[in-house]
């Protein structure tokens, strides 16, 4: 599974970056984005916590 961030709605709150820095980081436009690789099962719970905690619900995991 991979994570995706709809950057048009991202408010740069840093919750996802703080919760799961192995998957989420800020790009040059100060918007959160996800790395382009599969989420390791060992940190899936952190990625899901970041998705579920996003205040504007712009993170999806497929």
PDB file of N, CA and C in Angstrom:
ATOM      1  N   UNK A   1       0.842  -1.183   0.000  1.00  0.00           N
ATOM      2  CA  UNK A   1       0.000   0.000   0.000  1.00  0.00           C
ATOM      3  C   UNK A   1       0.886   1.246   0.000  1.00  0.00           C
ATOM      4  N   UNK A   2       0.360   2.295  -0.609  1.00  0.00           N
ATOM      5  CA  UNK A   2       1.063   3.575  -0.661  1.00  0.00           C
ATOM      6  C   UNK A   2       0.176   4.676  -0.103  1.00  0.00           C
ATOM      7  N   UNK A   3       0.807   5.724   0.382  1.00  0.00           N
ATOM      8  CA  UNK A   3       0.082   6.886   0.891  1.00  0.00           C
ATOM      9  C   UNK A   3       0.106   7.992  -0.160  1.00  0.00           C
ATOM     10  N   UNK A   4      -0.949   8.773  -0.168  1.00  0.00           N
ATOM     11  CA  UNK A   4      -1.079   9.901  -1.087  1.00  0.00           C
ATOM     12  C   UNK A   4      -1.626  11.104  -0.323  1.00  0.00           C
ATOM     13  N   UNK A   5      -1.154  12.298  -0.699  1.00  0.00           N
ATOM     14  CA  UNK A   5      -1.626  13.530  -0.072  1.00  0.00           C
ATOM     15  C   UNK A   5      -2.180  14.439  -1.162  1.00  0.00           C
ATOM     16  N   UNK A   6      -3.420  14.881  -1.003  1.00  0.00           N
ATOM     17  CA  UNK A   6      -4.010  15.866  -1.912  1.00  0.00           C
ATOM     18  C   UNK A   6      -3.468  17.227  -1.478  1.00  0.00           C
ATOM     19  N   UNK A   7      -2.424  17.657  -2.130  1.00  0.00           N
ATOM     20  CA  UNK A   7      -1.728  18.874  -1.723  1.00  0.00           C
ATOM     21  C   UNK A   7      -2.575  20.123  -1.869  1.00  0.00           C
ATOM     22  N   UNK A   8      -3.598  20.090  -2.695  1.00  0.00           N
ATOM     23  CA  UNK A   8      -4.431  21.281  -2.856  1.00  0.00           C
ATOM     24  C   UNK A   8      -5.192  21.605  -1.572  1.00  0.00           C
ATOM     25  N   UNK A   9      -5.400  20.601  -0.728  1.00  0.00           N
ATOM     26  CA  UNK A   9      -6.114  20.835   0.520  1.00  0.00           C
ATOM     27  C   UNK A   9      -5.223  20.837   1.753  1.00  0.00           C
ATOM     28  N   UNK A  10      -3.946  20.528   1.579  1.00  0.00           N
ATOM     29  CA  UNK A  10      -3.016  20.449   2.711  1.00  0.00           C
ATOM     30  C   UNK A  10      -2.838  21.828   3.350  1.00  0.00           C
ATOM     31  N   UNK A  11      -2.922  21.868   4.683  1.00  0.00           N
ATOM     32  CA  UNK A  11      -2.749  23.137   5.408  1.00  0.00           C
ATOM     33  C   UNK A  11      -1.394  23.203   6.125  1.00  0.00           C
ATOM     34  N   UNK A  12      -0.518  22.267   5.828  1.00  0.00           N
ATOM     35  CA  UNK A  12       0.856  22.250   6.367  1.00  0.00           C
ATOM     36  C   UNK A  12       0.895  22.233   7.891  1.00  0.00           C
ATOM     37  N   UNK A  13      -0.003  21.468   8.494  1.00  0.00           N
ATOM     38  CA  UNK A  13      -0.070  21.435   9.957  1.00  0.00           C
ATOM     39  C   UNK A  13       1.031  20.577  10.574  1.00  0.00           C
ATOM     40  N   UNK A  14       1.642  19.713   9.789  1.00  0.00           N
ATOM     41  CA  UNK A  14       2.759  18.851  10.194  1.00  0.00           C
ATOM     42  C   UNK A  14       2.355  17.623  11.000  1.00  0.00           C
ATOM     43  N   UNK A  15       1.075  17.379  11.193  1.00  0.00           N
ATOM     44  CA  UNK A  15       0.674  16.205  11.954  1.00  0.00           C
ATOM     45  C   UNK A  15       1.191  14.924  11.306  1.00  0.00           C
ATOM     46  N   UNK A  16       1.040  14.778  10.011  1.00  0.00           N
ATOM     47  CA  UNK A  16       1.487  13.556   9.343  1.00  0.00           C
ATOM     48  C   UNK A  16       3.005  13.418   9.384  1.00  0.00           C
ATOM     49  N   UNK A  17       3.695  14.515   9.190  1.00  0.00           N
ATOM     50  CA  UNK A  17       5.159  14.500   9.219  1.00  0.00           C
ATOM     51  C   UNK A  17       5.660  14.123  10.610  1.00  0.00           C
ATOM     52  N   UNK A  18       5.040  14.661  11.627  1.00  0.00           N
ATOM     53  CA  UNK A  18       5.427  14.342  13.000  1.00  0.00           C
ATOM     54  C   UNK A  18       5.052  12.913  13.383  1.00  0.00           C
ATOM     55  N   UNK A  19       3.921  12.426  12.892  1.00  0.00           N
ATOM     56  CA  UNK A  19       3.433  11.099  13.248  1.00  0.00           C
ATOM     57  C   UNK A  19       4.187   9.988  12.530  1.00  0.00           C
ATOM     58  N   UNK A  20       4.476  10.195  11.260  1.00  0.00           N
ATOM     59  CA  UNK A  20       5.117   9.143  10.455  1.00  0.00           C
ATOM     60  C   UNK A  20       6.142   9.750   9.488  1.00  0.00           C
ATOM     61  N   UNK A  21       7.275  10.214  10.012  1.00  0.00           N
ATOM     62  CA  UNK A  21       8.270  10.872   9.167  1.00  0.00           C
ATOM     63  C   UNK A  21       8.939   9.951   8.139  1.00  0.00           C
ATOM     64  N   UNK A  22       8.813   8.651   8.300  1.00  0.00           N
ATOM     65  CA  UNK A  22       9.379   7.738   7.306  1.00  0.00           C
ATOM     66  C   UNK A  22       8.582   7.758   6.007  1.00  0.00           C
ATOM     67  N   UNK A  23       7.338   8.199   6.070  1.00  0.00           N
ATOM     68  CA  UNK A  23       6.467   8.235   4.895  1.00  0.00           C
ATOM     69  C   UNK A  23       6.143   9.656   4.451  1.00  0.00           C
ATOM     70  N   UNK A  24       5.941  10.570   5.381  1.00  0.00           N
ATOM     71  CA  UNK A  24       5.514  11.925   5.036  1.00  0.00           C
ATOM     72  C   UNK A  24       6.614  12.948   5.288  1.00  0.00           C
ATOM     73  N   UNK A  25       6.705  13.917   4.398  1.00  0.00           N
ATOM     74  CA  UNK A  25       7.658  15.024   4.544  1.00  0.00           C
ATOM     75  C   UNK A  25       7.077  16.244   3.837  1.00  0.00           C
ATOM     76  N   UNK A  26       7.708  17.389   4.050  1.00  0.00           N
ATOM     77  CA  UNK A  26       7.282  18.602   3.359  1.00  0.00           C
ATOM     78  C   UNK A  26       8.073  18.761   2.069  1.00  0.00           C
ATOM     79  N   UNK A  27       7.388  19.199   1.020  1.00  0.00           N
ATOM     80  CA  UNK A  27       8.073  19.470  -0.245  1.00  0.00           C
ATOM     81  C   UNK A  27       8.545  20.927  -0.270  1.00  0.00           C
ATOM     82  N   UNK A  28       9.060  21.355  -1.383  1.00  0.00           N
ATOM     83  CA  UNK A  28       9.606  22.714  -1.498  1.00  0.00           C
ATOM     84  C   UNK A  28       8.534  23.794  -1.394  1.00  0.00           C
ATOM     85  N   UNK A  29       7.270  23.412  -1.533  1.00  0.00           N
ATOM     86  CA  UNK A  29       6.168  24.368  -1.414  1.00  0.00           C
ATOM     87  C   UNK A  29       5.546  24.336  -0.017  1.00  0.00           C
ATOM     88  N   UNK A  30       6.220  23.657   0.916  1.00  0.00           N
ATOM     89  CA  UNK A  30       5.768  23.531   2.309  1.00  0.00           C
ATOM     90  C   UNK A  30       4.436  22.792   2.430  1.00  0.00           C
ATOM     91  N   UNK A  31       4.180  21.895   1.510  1.00  0.00           N
ATOM     92  CA  UNK A  31       3.001  21.027   1.553  1.00  0.00           C
ATOM     93  C   UNK A  31       3.470  19.610   1.857  1.00  0.00           C
ATOM     94  N   UNK A  32       2.671  18.880   2.609  1.00  0.00           N
ATOM     95  CA  UNK A  32       3.030  17.500   2.917  1.00  0.00           C
ATOM     96  C   UNK A  32       2.897  16.641   1.668  1.00  0.00           C
ATOM     97  N   UNK A  33       3.789  15.682   1.551  1.00  0.00           N
ATOM     98  CA  UNK A  33       3.691  14.689   0.496  1.00  0.00           C
ATOM     99  C   UNK A  33       4.225  13.366   1.034  1.00  0.00           C
ATOM    100  N   UNK A  34       3.833  12.295   0.387  1.00  0.00           N
ATOM    101  CA  UNK A  34       4.247  10.965   0.799  1.00  0.00           C
ATOM    102  C   UNK A  34       5.360  10.473  -0.120  1.00  0.00           C
ATOM    103  N   UNK A  35       6.235   9.665   0.432  1.00  0.00           N
ATOM    104  CA  UNK A  35       7.283   9.069  -0.387  1.00  0.00           C
ATOM    105  C   UNK A  35       6.630   8.135  -1.398  1.00  0.00           C
ATOM    106  N   UNK A  36       7.265   7.949  -2.522  1.00  0.00           N
ATOM    107  CA  UNK A  36       6.702   7.127  -3.586  1.00  0.00           C
ATOM    108  C   UNK A  36       7.203   5.685  -3.444  1.00  0.00           C
ATOM    109  N   UNK A  37       6.804   5.053  -2.359  1.00  0.00           N
ATOM    110  CA  UNK A  37       7.156   3.656  -2.141  1.00  0.00           C
ATOM    111  C   UNK A  37       6.119   3.010  -1.241  1.00  0.00           C
ATOM    112  N   UNK A  38       6.138   1.696  -1.213  1.00  0.00           N
ATOM    113  CA  UNK A  38       5.184   0.969  -0.374  1.00  0.00           C
ATOM    114  C   UNK A  38       5.453   1.257   1.098  1.00  0.00           C
ATOM    115  N   UNK A  39       4.378   1.309   1.857  1.00  0.00           N
ATOM    116  CA  UNK A  39       4.497   1.507   3.297  1.00  0.00           C
ATOM    117  C   UNK A  39       4.858   0.164   3.925  1.00  0.00           C
ATOM    118  N   UNK A  40       5.991   0.089   4.635  1.00  0.00           N
ATOM    119  CA  UNK A  40       6.344  -1.169   5.294  1.00  0.00           C
ATOM    120  C   UNK A  40       5.295  -1.544   6.345  1.00  0.00           C
ATOM    121  N   UNK A  41       5.017  -2.819   6.468  1.00  0.00           N
ATOM    122  CA  UNK A  41       4.001  -3.267   7.430  1.00  0.00           C
ATOM    123  C   UNK A  41       4.356  -2.865   8.856  1.00  0.00           C
ATOM    124  N   UNK A  42       5.640  -2.711   9.132  1.00  0.00           N
ATOM    125  CA  UNK A  42       6.078  -2.364  10.485  1.00  0.00           C
ATOM    126  C   UNK A  42       5.665  -0.950  10.902  1.00  0.00           C
ATOM    127  N   UNK A  43       5.357  -0.086   9.932  1.00  0.00           N
ATOM    128  CA  UNK A  43       4.942   1.285  10.270  1.00  0.00           C
ATOM    129  C   UNK A  43       3.565   1.641   9.703  1.00  0.00           C
ATOM    130  N   UNK A  44       2.840   0.639   9.225  1.00  0.00           N
ATOM    131  CA  UNK A  44       1.508   0.895   8.675  1.00  0.00           C
ATOM    132  C   UNK A  44       0.607   1.563   9.705  1.00  0.00           C
ATOM    133  N   UNK A  45       0.706   1.158  10.969  1.00  0.00           N
ATOM    134  CA  UNK A  45      -0.147   1.757  11.992  1.00  0.00           C
ATOM    135  C   UNK A  45       0.137   3.241  12.153  1.00  0.00           C
ATOM    136  N   UNK A  46       1.388   3.649  12.007  1.00  0.00           N
ATOM    137  CA  UNK A  46       1.733   5.079  12.092  1.00  0.00           C
ATOM    138  C   UNK A  46       1.188   5.839  10.888  1.00  0.00           C
ATOM    139  N   UNK A  47       1.298   5.249   9.704  1.00  0.00           N
ATOM    140  CA  UNK A  47       0.774   5.887   8.499  1.00  0.00           C
ATOM    141  C   UNK A  47      -0.745   6.048   8.598  1.00  0.00           C
ATOM    142  N   UNK A  48      -1.412   5.031   9.100  1.00  0.00           N
ATOM    143  CA  UNK A  48      -2.871   5.107   9.267  1.00  0.00           C
ATOM    144  C   UNK A  48      -3.248   6.123  10.333  1.00  0.00           C
ATOM    145  N   UNK A  49      -2.463   6.222  11.378  1.00  0.00           N
ATOM    146  CA  UNK A  49      -2.714   7.225  12.418  1.00  0.00           C
ATOM    147  C   UNK A  49      -2.563   8.633  11.833  1.00  0.00           C
ATOM    148  N   UNK A  50      -1.565   8.825  10.965  1.00  0.00           N
ATOM    149  CA  UNK A  50      -1.381  10.123  10.311  1.00  0.00           C
ATOM    150  C   UNK A  50      -2.575  10.433   9.411  1.00  0.00           C
ATOM    151  N   UNK A  51      -3.013   9.446   8.646  1.00  0.00           N
ATOM    152  CA  UNK A  51      -4.189   9.635   7.775  1.00  0.00           C
ATOM    153  C   UNK A  51      -5.430   9.979   8.591  1.00  0.00           C
ATOM    154  N   UNK A  52      -5.671   9.210   9.631  1.00  0.00           N
ATOM    155  CA  UNK A  52      -6.874   9.402  10.437  1.00  0.00           C
ATOM    156  C   UNK A  52      -6.858  10.705  11.232  1.00  0.00           C
ATOM    157  N   UNK A  53      -5.661  11.195  11.551  1.00  0.00           N
ATOM    158  CA  UNK A  53      -5.550  12.421  12.325  1.00  0.00           C
ATOM    159  C   UNK A  53      -5.499  13.690  11.504  1.00  0.00           C
ATOM    160  N   UNK A  54      -5.399  13.550  10.196  1.00  0.00           N
ATOM    161  CA  UNK A  54      -5.311  14.734   9.329  1.00  0.00           C
ATOM    162  C   UNK A  54      -6.555  15.606   9.513  1.00  0.00           C
ATOM    163  N   UNK A  55      -6.393  16.862   9.935  1.00  0.00           N
ATOM    164  CA  UNK A  55      -7.555  17.700  10.210  1.00  0.00           C
ATOM    165  C   UNK A  55      -8.362  18.088   8.974  1.00  0.00           C
ATOM    166  N   UNK A  56      -7.761  17.989   7.802  1.00  0.00           N
ATOM    167  CA  UNK A  56      -8.491  18.331   6.582  1.00  0.00           C
ATOM    168  C   UNK A  56      -8.734  17.103   5.696  1.00  0.00           C
ATOM    169  N   UNK A  57      -8.387  15.945   6.208  1.00  0.00           N
ATOM    170  CA  UNK A  57      -8.664  14.647   5.547  1.00  0.00           C
ATOM    171  C   UNK A  57      -8.208  14.591   4.093  1.00  0.00           C
ATOM    172  N   UNK A  58      -6.940  14.947   3.860  1.00  0.00           N
ATOM    173  CA  UNK A  58      -6.411  14.913   2.493  1.00  0.00           C
ATOM    174  C   UNK A  58      -5.448  13.752   2.256  1.00  0.00           C
ATOM    175  N   UNK A  59      -5.326  12.854   3.230  1.00  0.00           N
ATOM    176  CA  UNK A  59      -4.422  11.710   3.095  1.00  0.00           C
ATOM    177  C   UNK A  59      -5.242  10.463   2.804  1.00  0.00           C
ATOM    178  N   UNK A  60      -4.772   9.701   1.815  1.00  0.00           N
ATOM    179  CA  UNK A  60      -5.393   8.414   1.526  1.00  0.00           C
ATOM    180  C   UNK A  60      -4.298   7.354   1.444  1.00  0.00           C
ATOM    181  N   UNK A  61      -4.691   6.130   1.726  1.00  0.00           N
ATOM    182  CA  UNK A  61      -3.767   4.996   1.631  1.00  0.00           C
ATOM    183  C   UNK A  61      -4.451   3.937   0.774  1.00  0.00           C
ATOM    184  N   UNK A  62      -3.777   3.558  -0.313  1.00  0.00           N
ATOM    185  CA  UNK A  62      -4.330   2.559  -1.250  1.00  0.00           C
ATOM    186  C   UNK A  62      -3.331   1.433  -1.413  1.00  0.00           C
TER     187      UNK A  62
END
